[in-house]
Amino acid sequence: QEGEVCCLATIVPYVTRNTPEKDIRKIYEELFYQLEFVMKKKGKMVFIAQDLTLLREMCKFKLISERNVATSNLIYDVLIYEKK
């Protein structure tokens, strides 16, 4: 339903040698379209991946926090957005 989701945390796909940018762009476009519909006003979204450069570029929601999280030898970007 419209405006029913207050928070979301997800690991998103990202651009790699095997996953071209055009495919990821398509996924992100659909993701943001759906989130615009289902998220409540002031709803929070947490995105996690090894590289969120493209997501950061495409996302129209308000960025409220960003950090890096390390686990074993991998470093993940964590971005927190809020619906306006």
Protein backbone atom coordinates (compact mmCIF):
# COMPACT_ATOMS: atom_id res chain seq x y z
CA GLN A 1 0.00 0.00 0.00
CA GLU A 2 1.04 3.57 -0.56
CA GLY A 3 3.02 5.15 2.28
CA GLU A 4 2.97 2.11 4.57
CA VAL A 5 6.67 1.32 4.96
CA CYS A 6 8.54 3.25 7.66
CA CYS A 7 11.99 1.68 7.28
CA LEU A 8 13.95 -0.53 4.93
CA ALA A 9 17.41 -2.10 5.09
CA THR A 10 18.79 -3.90 2.06
CA ILE A 11 21.96 -5.09 0.41
CA VAL A 12 21.79 -3.79 -3.15
CA PRO A 13 23.60 -4.99 -6.28
CA TYR A 14 26.43 -2.81 -7.53
CA VAL A 15 28.55 -2.38 -10.65
CA THR A 16 31.21 -5.07 -11.11
CA ARG A 17 33.12 -6.56 -14.03
CA ASN A 18 30.30 -9.09 -14.46
CA THR A 19 27.40 -6.71 -13.77
CA PRO A 20 27.37 -3.74 -16.15
CA GLU A 21 26.30 -0.27 -15.08
CA LYS A 22 23.29 -0.23 -17.42
CA ASP A 23 21.82 -3.28 -15.66
CA ILE A 24 22.34 -1.76 -12.22
CA ARG A 25 20.85 1.56 -13.38
CA LYS A 26 17.70 -0.29 -14.46
CA ILE A 27 17.43 -2.01 -11.08
CA TYR A 28 17.96 1.24 -9.16
CA GLU A 29 15.42 3.13 -11.28
CA GLU A 30 12.77 0.53 -10.48
CA LEU A 31 13.79 0.38 -6.81
CA PHE A 32 13.51 4.17 -6.36
CA TYR A 33 10.22 4.28 -8.25
CA GLN A 34 8.73 1.66 -5.92
CA LEU A 35 10.23 3.24 -2.78
CA GLU A 36 8.75 6.62 -3.67
CA PHE A 37 5.34 4.94 -3.58
CA VAL A 38 5.60 2.65 -0.53
CA MET A 39 7.73 4.70 1.89
CA LYS A 40 6.11 6.89 4.53
CA LYS A 41 7.10 10.53 4.73
CA LYS A 42 10.27 10.67 6.86
CA GLY A 43 10.74 6.91 6.25
CA LYS A 44 14.33 5.68 6.48
CA MET A 45 16.17 3.52 3.93
CA VAL A 46 19.51 1.81 4.58
CA PHE A 47 21.51 0.63 1.57
CA ILE A 48 24.57 -1.60 1.92
CA ALA A 49 27.09 -2.70 -0.74
CA GLN A 50 30.79 -2.68 -1.49
CA ASP A 51 30.37 0.24 -3.90
CA LEU A 52 27.42 2.62 -3.73
CA THR A 53 28.80 5.29 -6.07
CA LEU A 54 26.03 4.82 -8.65
CA LEU A 55 23.29 4.62 -6.02
CA ARG A 56 24.57 7.83 -4.43
CA GLU A 57 24.45 9.50 -7.86
CA MET A 58 20.93 8.31 -8.72
CA CYS A 59 19.10 8.54 -5.40
CA LYS A 60 16.80 11.56 -5.00
CA PHE A 61 16.00 10.95 -1.34
CA LYS A 62 17.71 12.99 1.40
CA LEU A 63 21.06 11.52 2.49
CA ILE A 64 21.21 11.64 6.30
CA SER A 65 24.19 9.42 7.08
CA GLU A 66 27.01 7.54 5.42
CA ARG A 67 29.71 5.30 6.82
CA ASN A 68 31.95 2.37 6.04
CA VAL A 69 31.69 -0.97 7.79
CA ALA A 70 34.48 -3.54 7.69
CA THR A 71 34.04 -7.27 8.04
CA SER A 72 37.04 -9.59 7.69
CA ASN A 73 38.80 -8.20 4.59
CA LEU A 74 35.78 -6.48 2.97
CA ILE A 75 34.68 -2.88 3.38
CA TYR A 76 31.03 -1.98 2.78
CA ASP A 77 29.47 1.42 2.15
CA VAL A 78 26.37 2.09 4.23
CA LEU A 79 24.09 4.94 3.18
CA ILE A 80 21.00 6.04 5.10
CA TYR A 81 18.38 8.08 3.27
CA GLU A 82 15.10 9.65 4.33
CA LYS A 83 12.01 10.29 2.24
CA LYS A 84 11.22 14.00 2.18
